Full PDB file with SEQRES, HELIX, SHEET, SSBOND, CRYST1, ORIGX, SCALE, CONECT and MASTER records, all heavy atoms in Angstrom:
SEQRES   1 A   33  LEU ARG PHE ARG ALA ASP PRO LEU VAL PHE ILE GLY ILE          
SEQRES   2 A   33  ALA VAL SER ALA ILE ALA LEU ILE PRO TYR ALA LEU SER          
SEQRES   3 A   33  SER ALA GLU PHE THR PRO LEU                                  
HELIX    1 AA1 PRO A    7  SER A   27  1                                  21    
HELIX    2 AA2 ALA A   28  PHE A   30  5                                   3    
CRYST1    1.000    1.000    1.000  90.00  90.00  90.00 P 1           1          
ORIGX1      1.000000  0.000000  0.000000        0.00000                         
ORIGX2      0.000000  1.000000  0.000000        0.00000                         
ORIGX3      0.000000  0.000000  1.000000        0.00000                         
SCALE1      1.000000  0.000000  0.000000        0.00000                         
SCALE2      0.000000  1.000000  0.000000        0.00000                         
SCALE3      0.000000  0.000000  1.000000        0.00000                         
ATOM      1  N   LEU A   1      -7.216   2.931  55.558  1.00  0.00           N  
ATOM      2  CA  LEU A   1      -6.629   2.995  54.204  1.00  0.00           C  
ATOM      3  C   LEU A   1      -6.373   4.444  53.831  1.00  0.00           C  
ATOM      4  O   LEU A   1      -7.340   5.245  53.797  1.00  0.00           O  
ATOM      5  CB  LEU A   1      -7.573   2.305  53.201  1.00  0.00           C  
ATOM      6  CG  LEU A   1      -7.019   2.176  51.787  1.00  0.00           C  
ATOM      7  CD1 LEU A   1      -5.808   1.252  51.716  1.00  0.00           C  
ATOM      8  CD2 LEU A   1      -8.110   1.593  50.843  1.00  0.00           C  
ATOM      9  N   ARG A   2      -5.137   4.788  53.617  1.00  0.00           N  
ATOM     10  CA  ARG A   2      -4.780   6.145  53.332  1.00  0.00           C  
ATOM     11  C   ARG A   2      -4.154   6.282  51.961  1.00  0.00           C  
ATOM     12  O   ARG A   2      -3.494   5.340  51.456  1.00  0.00           O  
ATOM     13  CB  ARG A   2      -3.819   6.708  54.405  1.00  0.00           C  
ATOM     14  CG  ARG A   2      -4.474   6.676  55.779  1.00  0.00           C  
ATOM     15  CD  ARG A   2      -3.523   7.285  56.797  1.00  0.00           C  
ATOM     16  NE  ARG A   2      -4.071   7.218  58.176  1.00  0.00           N  
ATOM     17  CZ  ARG A   2      -4.984   8.096  58.691  1.00  0.00           C  
ATOM     18  NH1 ARG A   2      -5.395   9.108  57.934  1.00  0.00           N  
ATOM     19  NH2 ARG A   2      -5.397   7.977  59.900  1.00  0.00           N  
ATOM     20  N   PHE A   3      -4.228   7.476  51.371  1.00  0.00           N  
ATOM     21  CA  PHE A   3      -3.696   7.762  50.049  1.00  0.00           C  
ATOM     22  C   PHE A   3      -2.498   8.657  50.210  1.00  0.00           C  
ATOM     23  O   PHE A   3      -2.504   9.644  50.949  1.00  0.00           O  
ATOM     24  CB  PHE A   3      -4.773   8.439  49.181  1.00  0.00           C  
ATOM     25  CG  PHE A   3      -4.289   8.852  47.805  1.00  0.00           C  
ATOM     26  CD1 PHE A   3      -4.160   7.891  46.792  1.00  0.00           C  
ATOM     27  CD2 PHE A   3      -3.884  10.189  47.542  1.00  0.00           C  
ATOM     28  CE1 PHE A   3      -3.730   8.283  45.513  1.00  0.00           C  
ATOM     29  CE2 PHE A   3      -3.462  10.526  46.289  1.00  0.00           C  
ATOM     30  CZ  PHE A   3      -3.372   9.586  45.275  1.00  0.00           C  
ATOM     31  N   ARG A   4      -1.413   8.297  49.474  1.00  0.00           N  
ATOM     32  CA  ARG A   4      -0.215   9.073  49.513  1.00  0.00           C  
ATOM     33  C   ARG A   4       0.182   9.410  48.079  1.00  0.00           C  
ATOM     34  O   ARG A   4       0.561   8.545  47.302  1.00  0.00           O  
ATOM     35  CB  ARG A   4       0.920   8.309  50.153  1.00  0.00           C  
ATOM     36  CG  ARG A   4       2.243   9.091  50.257  1.00  0.00           C  
ATOM     37  CD  ARG A   4       3.295   8.216  51.036  1.00  0.00           C  
ATOM     38  NE  ARG A   4       3.395   6.909  50.424  1.00  0.00           N  
ATOM     39  CZ  ARG A   4       3.759   5.802  51.059  1.00  0.00           C  
ATOM     40  NH1 ARG A   4       3.987   5.882  52.378  1.00  0.00           N  
ATOM     41  NH2 ARG A   4       3.861   4.631  50.453  1.00  0.00           N  
ATOM     42  N   ALA A   5       0.025  10.717  47.744  1.00  0.00           N  
ATOM     43  CA  ALA A   5       0.313  11.133  46.372  1.00  0.00           C  
ATOM     44  C   ALA A   5       1.806  11.007  46.045  1.00  0.00           C  
ATOM     45  O   ALA A   5       2.665  11.234  46.909  1.00  0.00           O  
ATOM     46  CB  ALA A   5      -0.137  12.597  46.195  1.00  0.00           C  
ATOM     47  N   ASP A   6       2.061  10.690  44.778  1.00  0.00           N  
ATOM     48  CA  ASP A   6       3.474  10.589  44.322  1.00  0.00           C  
ATOM     49  C   ASP A   6       3.487  11.134  42.853  1.00  0.00           C  
ATOM     50  O   ASP A   6       2.907  10.530  41.990  1.00  0.00           O  
ATOM     51  CB  ASP A   6       3.904   9.140  44.371  1.00  0.00           C  
ATOM     52  CG  ASP A   6       5.427   8.988  44.022  1.00  0.00           C  
ATOM     53  OD1 ASP A   6       5.967   9.948  43.516  1.00  0.00           O  
ATOM     54  OD2 ASP A   6       5.982   7.898  44.231  1.00  0.00           O  
ATOM     55  N   PRO A   7       4.196  12.237  42.674  1.00  0.00           N  
ATOM     56  CA  PRO A   7       4.288  12.796  41.315  1.00  0.00           C  
ATOM     57  C   PRO A   7       4.786  11.795  40.273  1.00  0.00           C  
ATOM     58  O   PRO A   7       4.389  11.936  39.084  1.00  0.00           O  
ATOM     59  CB  PRO A   7       5.259  13.973  41.489  1.00  0.00           C  
ATOM     60  CG  PRO A   7       5.176  14.277  42.965  1.00  0.00           C  
ATOM     61  CD  PRO A   7       4.929  13.027  43.671  1.00  0.00           C  
ATOM     62  N   LEU A   8       5.613  10.865  40.698  1.00  0.00           N  
ATOM     63  CA  LEU A   8       6.169   9.919  39.727  1.00  0.00           C  
ATOM     64  C   LEU A   8       5.072   9.185  39.003  1.00  0.00           C  
ATOM     65  O   LEU A   8       5.169   8.950  37.789  1.00  0.00           O  
ATOM     66  CB  LEU A   8       7.091   8.894  40.456  1.00  0.00           C  
ATOM     67  CG  LEU A   8       7.568   7.738  39.651  1.00  0.00           C  
ATOM     68  CD1 LEU A   8       8.565   8.201  38.589  1.00  0.00           C  
ATOM     69  CD2 LEU A   8       8.172   6.655  40.512  1.00  0.00           C  
ATOM     70  N   VAL A   9       4.020   8.815  39.741  1.00  0.00           N  
ATOM     71  CA  VAL A   9       2.967   8.025  39.144  1.00  0.00           C  
ATOM     72  C   VAL A   9       2.236   8.833  38.007  1.00  0.00           C  
ATOM     73  O   VAL A   9       1.996   8.326  36.920  1.00  0.00           O  
ATOM     74  CB  VAL A   9       1.881   7.599  40.190  1.00  0.00           C  
ATOM     75  CG1 VAL A   9       0.754   6.881  39.549  1.00  0.00           C  
ATOM     76  CG2 VAL A   9       2.545   6.751  41.219  1.00  0.00           C  
ATOM     77  N   PHE A  10       1.985  10.041  38.270  1.00  0.00           N  
ATOM     78  CA  PHE A  10       1.274  10.864  37.299  1.00  0.00           C  
ATOM     79  C   PHE A  10       2.203  11.264  36.136  1.00  0.00           C  
ATOM     80  O   PHE A  10       1.750  11.355  34.986  1.00  0.00           O  
ATOM     81  CB  PHE A  10       0.727  12.121  38.001  1.00  0.00           C  
ATOM     82  CG  PHE A  10      -0.168  11.821  39.136  1.00  0.00           C  
ATOM     83  CD1 PHE A  10       0.270  11.964  40.440  1.00  0.00           C  
ATOM     84  CD2 PHE A  10      -1.436  11.347  38.908  1.00  0.00           C  
ATOM     85  CE1 PHE A  10      -0.572  11.633  41.488  1.00  0.00           C  
ATOM     86  CE2 PHE A  10      -2.298  10.975  39.958  1.00  0.00           C  
ATOM     87  CZ  PHE A  10      -1.816  11.144  41.284  1.00  0.00           C  
ATOM     88  N   ILE A  11       3.494  11.408  36.396  1.00  0.00           N  
ATOM     89  CA  ILE A  11       4.398  11.599  35.313  1.00  0.00           C  
ATOM     90  C   ILE A  11       4.507  10.317  34.437  1.00  0.00           C  
ATOM     91  O   ILE A  11       4.499  10.371  33.231  1.00  0.00           O  
ATOM     92  CB  ILE A  11       5.850  11.956  35.865  1.00  0.00           C  
ATOM     93  CG1 ILE A  11       5.810  13.285  36.549  1.00  0.00           C  
ATOM     94  CG2 ILE A  11       6.869  11.897  34.731  1.00  0.00           C  
ATOM     95  CD1 ILE A  11       7.121  13.623  37.291  1.00  0.00           C  
ATOM     96  N   GLY A  12       4.547   9.156  35.109  1.00  0.00           N  
ATOM     97  CA  GLY A  12       4.522   7.885  34.403  1.00  0.00           C  
ATOM     98  C   GLY A  12       3.312   7.696  33.496  1.00  0.00           C  
ATOM     99  O   GLY A  12       3.425   7.255  32.371  1.00  0.00           O  
ATOM    100  N   ILE A  13       2.131   8.067  34.047  1.00  0.00           N  
ATOM    101  CA  ILE A  13       0.945   7.968  33.252  1.00  0.00           C  
ATOM    102  C   ILE A  13       0.977   8.851  32.019  1.00  0.00           C  
ATOM    103  O   ILE A  13       0.617   8.449  30.874  1.00  0.00           O  
ATOM    104  CB  ILE A  13      -0.304   8.313  34.091  1.00  0.00           C  
ATOM    105  CG1 ILE A  13      -0.528   7.267  35.195  1.00  0.00           C  
ATOM    106  CG2 ILE A  13      -1.571   8.423  33.199  1.00  0.00           C  
ATOM    107  CD1 ILE A  13      -1.636   7.626  36.159  1.00  0.00           C  
ATOM    108  N   ALA A  14       1.501  10.072  32.195  1.00  0.00           N  
ATOM    109  CA  ALA A  14       1.565  11.044  31.124  1.00  0.00           C  
ATOM    110  C   ALA A  14       2.515  10.603  30.032  1.00  0.00           C  
ATOM    111  O   ALA A  14       2.164  10.580  28.829  1.00  0.00           O  
ATOM    112  CB  ALA A  14       1.996  12.421  31.659  1.00  0.00           C  
ATOM    113  N   VAL A  15       3.722  10.184  30.414  1.00  0.00           N  
ATOM    114  CA  VAL A  15       4.728   9.803  29.360  1.00  0.00           C  
ATOM    115  C   VAL A  15       4.277   8.499  28.696  1.00  0.00           C  
ATOM    116  O   VAL A  15       4.547   8.293  27.503  1.00  0.00           O  
ATOM    117  CB  VAL A  15       6.161   9.651  29.970  1.00  0.00           C  
ATOM    118  CG1 VAL A  15       6.605  10.982  30.522  1.00  0.00           C  
ATOM    119  CG2 VAL A  15       6.209   8.604  31.009  1.00  0.00           C  
ATOM    120  N   SER A  16       3.641   7.607  29.440  1.00  0.00           N  
ATOM    121  CA  SER A  16       3.155   6.365  28.814  1.00  0.00           C  
ATOM    122  C   SER A  16       2.047   6.635  27.791  1.00  0.00           C  
ATOM    123  O   SER A  16       2.062   6.026  26.714  1.00  0.00           O  
ATOM    124  CB  SER A  16       2.606   5.400  29.878  1.00  0.00           C  
ATOM    125  OG  SER A  16       3.602   5.016  30.832  1.00  0.00           O  
ATOM    126  N   ALA A  17       1.167   7.513  28.110  1.00  0.00           N  
ATOM    127  CA  ALA A  17       0.121   7.886  27.229  1.00  0.00           C  
ATOM    128  C   ALA A  17       0.656   8.520  25.909  1.00  0.00           C  
ATOM    129  O   ALA A  17       0.223   8.184  24.820  1.00  0.00           O  
ATOM    130  CB  ALA A  17      -0.872   8.880  27.875  1.00  0.00           C  
ATOM    131  N   ILE A  18       1.633   9.353  26.082  1.00  0.00           N  
ATOM    132  CA  ILE A  18       2.280   9.978  24.879  1.00  0.00           C  
ATOM    133  C   ILE A  18       3.020   8.917  24.072  1.00  0.00           C  
ATOM    134  O   ILE A  18       2.865   8.924  22.830  1.00  0.00           O  
ATOM    135  CB  ILE A  18       3.312  11.090  25.355  1.00  0.00           C  
ATOM    136  CG1 ILE A  18       2.572  12.225  26.014  1.00  0.00           C  
ATOM    137  CG2 ILE A  18       4.129  11.555  24.157  1.00  0.00           C  
ATOM    138  CD1 ILE A  18       3.466  13.278  26.662  1.00  0.00           C  
ATOM    139  N   ALA A  19       3.664   7.990  24.721  1.00  0.00           N  
ATOM    140  CA  ALA A  19       4.407   6.917  24.026  1.00  0.00           C  
ATOM    141  C   ALA A  19       3.457   5.942  23.319  1.00  0.00           C  
ATOM    142  O   ALA A  19       3.902   5.322  22.342  1.00  0.00           O  
ATOM    143  CB  ALA A  19       5.303   6.179  24.983  1.00  0.00           C  
ATOM    144  N   LEU A  20       2.246   5.870  23.781  1.00  0.00           N  
ATOM    145  CA  LEU A  20       1.244   4.981  23.178  1.00  0.00           C  
ATOM    146  C   LEU A  20       0.627   5.573  21.909  1.00  0.00           C  
ATOM    147  O   LEU A  20       0.003   4.810  21.107  1.00  0.00           O  
ATOM    148  CB  LEU A  20       0.145   4.597  24.145  1.00  0.00           C  
ATOM    149  CG  LEU A  20       0.519   3.575  25.259  1.00  0.00           C  
ATOM    150  CD1 LEU A  20      -0.595   3.535  26.283  1.00  0.00           C  
ATOM    151  CD2 LEU A  20       0.763   2.230  24.637  1.00  0.00           C  
ATOM    152  N   ILE A  21       0.745   6.910  21.684  1.00  0.00           N  
ATOM    153  CA  ILE A  21       0.076   7.519  20.609  1.00  0.00           C  
ATOM    154  C   ILE A  21       0.446   6.958  19.258  1.00  0.00           C  
ATOM    155  O   ILE A  21      -0.406   6.683  18.407  1.00  0.00           O  
ATOM    156  CB  ILE A  21       0.298   9.031  20.681  1.00  0.00           C  
ATOM    157  CG1 ILE A  21      -0.455   9.627  21.824  1.00  0.00           C  
ATOM    158  CG2 ILE A  21      -0.129   9.718  19.367  1.00  0.00           C  
ATOM    159  CD1 ILE A  21      -0.147  11.128  22.081  1.00  0.00           C  
ATOM    160  N   PRO A  22       1.752   6.766  18.953  1.00  0.00           N  
ATOM    161  CA  PRO A  22       2.120   6.230  17.603  1.00  0.00           C  
ATOM    162  C   PRO A  22       1.444   4.865  17.311  1.00  0.00           C  
ATOM    163  O   PRO A  22       0.978   4.607  16.222  1.00  0.00           O  
ATOM    164  CB  PRO A  22       3.628   6.102  17.649  1.00  0.00           C  
ATOM    165  CG  PRO A  22       4.060   7.083  18.710  1.00  0.00           C  
ATOM    166  CD  PRO A  22       2.963   7.054  19.709  1.00  0.00           C  
ATOM    167  N   TYR A  23       1.379   3.990  18.354  1.00  0.00           N  
ATOM    168  CA  TYR A  23       0.773   2.670  18.144  1.00  0.00           C  
ATOM    169  C   TYR A  23      -0.720   2.859  17.977  1.00  0.00           C  
ATOM    170  O   TYR A  23      -1.324   2.160  17.113  1.00  0.00           O  
ATOM    171  CB  TYR A  23       1.049   1.776  19.321  1.00  0.00           C  
ATOM    172  CG  TYR A  23       0.454   0.402  19.196  1.00  0.00           C  
ATOM    173  CD1 TYR A  23       0.925  -0.546  18.370  1.00  0.00           C  
ATOM    174  CD2 TYR A  23      -0.702   0.093  19.971  1.00  0.00           C  
ATOM    175  CE1 TYR A  23       0.333  -1.790  18.180  1.00  0.00           C  
ATOM    176  CE2 TYR A  23      -1.281  -1.204  19.829  1.00  0.00           C  
ATOM    177  CZ  TYR A  23      -0.772  -2.072  18.947  1.00  0.00           C  
ATOM    178  OH  TYR A  23      -1.360  -3.333  18.814  1.00  0.00           O  
ATOM    179  N   ALA A  24      -1.355   3.711  18.768  1.00  0.00           N  
ATOM    180  CA  ALA A  24      -2.802   3.913  18.643  1.00  0.00           C  
ATOM    181  C   ALA A  24      -3.138   4.416  17.225  1.00  0.00           C  
ATOM    182  O   ALA A  24      -4.155   3.997  16.639  1.00  0.00           O  
ATOM    183  CB  ALA A  24      -3.221   4.854  19.712  1.00  0.00           C  
ATOM    184  N   LEU A  25      -2.335   5.283  16.693  1.00  0.00           N  
ATOM    185  CA  LEU A  25      -2.653   5.836  15.353  1.00  0.00           C  
ATOM    186  C   LEU A  25      -2.389   4.778  14.304  1.00  0.00           C  
ATOM    187  O   LEU A  25      -3.266   4.666  13.373  1.00  0.00           O  
ATOM    188  CB  LEU A  25      -1.738   7.083  15.111  1.00  0.00           C  
ATOM    189  CG  LEU A  25      -2.032   8.302  15.985  1.00  0.00           C  
ATOM    190  CD1 LEU A  25      -0.984   9.384  15.714  1.00  0.00           C  
ATOM    191  CD2 LEU A  25      -3.427   8.832  15.735  1.00  0.00           C  
ATOM    192  N   SER A  26      -1.334   4.020  14.373  1.00  0.00           N  
ATOM    193  CA  SER A  26      -1.033   3.057  13.312  1.00  0.00           C  
ATOM    194  C   SER A  26      -2.048   1.896  13.327  1.00  0.00           C  
ATOM    195  O   SER A  26      -2.517   1.462  12.258  1.00  0.00           O  
ATOM    196  CB  SER A  26       0.372   2.500  13.422  1.00  0.00           C  
ATOM    197  OG  SER A  26       0.518   1.775  14.631  1.00  0.00           O  
ATOM    198  N   SER A  27      -2.415   1.448  14.525  1.00  0.00           N  
ATOM    199  CA  SER A  27      -3.328   0.323  14.617  1.00  0.00           C  
ATOM    200  C   SER A  27      -4.777   0.692  14.244  1.00  0.00           C  
ATOM    201  O   SER A  27      -5.628  -0.163  13.999  1.00  0.00           O  
ATOM    202  CB  SER A  27      -3.324  -0.253  16.032  1.00  0.00           C  
ATOM    203  OG  SER A  27      -3.698   0.682  16.978  1.00  0.00           O  
ATOM    204  N   ALA A  28      -5.010   2.016  14.172  1.00  0.00           N  
ATOM    205  CA  ALA A  28      -6.372   2.480  13.782  1.00  0.00           C  
ATOM    206  C   ALA A  28      -6.560   2.463  12.255  1.00  0.00           C  
ATOM    207  O   ALA A  28      -7.689   2.739  11.791  1.00  0.00           O  
ATOM    208  CB  ALA A  28      -6.589   3.893  14.277  1.00  0.00           C  
ATOM    209  N   GLU A  29      -5.553   2.090  11.534  1.00  0.00           N  
ATOM    210  CA  GLU A  29      -5.631   2.132  10.033  1.00  0.00           C  
ATOM    211  C   GLU A  29      -6.729   1.206   9.497  1.00  0.00           C  
ATOM    212  O   GLU A  29      -7.329   1.458   8.481  1.00  0.00           O  
ATOM    213  CB  GLU A  29      -4.262   1.790   9.441  1.00  0.00           C  
ATOM    214  CG  GLU A  29      -4.250   1.847   7.932  1.00  0.00           C  
ATOM    215  CD  GLU A  29      -2.852   1.545   7.355  1.00  0.00           C  
ATOM    216  OE1 GLU A  29      -1.881   1.441   8.164  1.00  0.00           O  
ATOM    217  OE2 GLU A  29      -2.715   1.354   6.130  1.00  0.00           O  
ATOM    218  N   PHE A  30      -6.898   0.104  10.196  1.00  0.00           N  
ATOM    219  CA  PHE A  30      -7.864  -0.877   9.682  1.00  0.00           C  
ATOM    220  C   PHE A  30      -9.074  -1.079  10.656  1.00  0.00           C  
ATOM    221  O   PHE A  30      -9.613  -2.164  10.748  1.00  0.00           O  
ATOM    222  CB  PHE A  30      -7.141  -2.252   9.469  1.00  0.00           C  
ATOM    223  CG  PHE A  30      -6.177  -2.236   8.323  1.00  0.00           C  
ATOM    224  CD1 PHE A  30      -4.829  -1.996   8.575  1.00  0.00           C  
ATOM    225  CD2 PHE A  30      -6.626  -2.429   7.073  1.00  0.00           C  
ATOM    226  CE1 PHE A  30      -3.892  -1.968   7.555  1.00  0.00           C  
ATOM    227  CE2 PHE A  30      -5.645  -2.426   6.022  1.00  0.00           C  
ATOM    228  CZ  PHE A  30      -4.361  -2.179   6.281  1.00  0.00           C  
ATOM    229  N   THR A  31      -9.428  -0.004  11.285  1.00  0.00           N  
ATOM    230  CA  THR A  31     -10.650  -0.063  12.127  1.00  0.00           C  
ATOM    231  C   THR A  31     -11.866  -0.302  11.231  1.00  0.00           C  
ATOM    232  O   THR A  31     -11.844  -0.050  10.010  1.00  0.00           O  
ATOM    233  CB  THR A  31     -10.797   1.283  12.886  1.00  0.00           C  
ATOM    234  OG1 THR A  31     -10.723   2.330  11.925  1.00  0.00           O  
ATOM    235  CG2 THR A  31      -9.709   1.340  13.944  1.00  0.00           C  
ATOM    236  N   PRO A  32     -13.041  -0.688  11.815  1.00  0.00           N  
ATOM    237  CA  PRO A  32     -13.274  -0.817  13.260  1.00  0.00           C  
ATOM    238  C   PRO A  32     -12.817  -2.170  13.851  1.00  0.00           C  
ATOM    239  O   PRO A  32     -12.671  -3.146  13.088  1.00  0.00           O  
ATOM    240  CB  PRO A  32     -14.747  -0.661  13.349  1.00  0.00           C  
ATOM    241  CG  PRO A  32     -15.291  -1.291  12.096  1.00  0.00           C  
ATOM    242  CD  PRO A  32     -14.273  -0.877  11.072  1.00  0.00           C  
ATOM    243  N   LEU A  33     -12.633  -2.179  15.129  1.00  0.00           N  
ATOM    244  CA  LEU A  33     -12.367  -3.443  15.849  1.00  0.00           C  
ATOM    245  C   LEU A  33     -13.691  -4.084  16.045  1.00  0.00           C  
ATOM    246  O   LEU A  33     -14.726  -3.471  16.228  1.00  0.00           O  
ATOM    247  CB  LEU A  33     -11.744  -3.110  17.191  1.00  0.00           C  
ATOM    248  CG  LEU A  33     -11.024  -4.218  17.945  1.00  0.00           C  
ATOM    249  CD1 LEU A  33      -9.817  -4.730  17.157  1.00  0.00           C  
ATOM    250  CD2 LEU A  33     -10.558  -3.745  19.339  1.00  0.00           C  
TER     251      LEU A  33                                                      
MASTER        0    0    0    2    0    0    0    6  250    1    0    3          
END                                                                             
């Protein structure tokens, strides 16, 4: 079993995390869960 790095994956993780921020902030208005 070998690992093959791909910059696309890490770029995808980064942009997804950034895109999730607005939802994370708005849904925190009525915390706690």
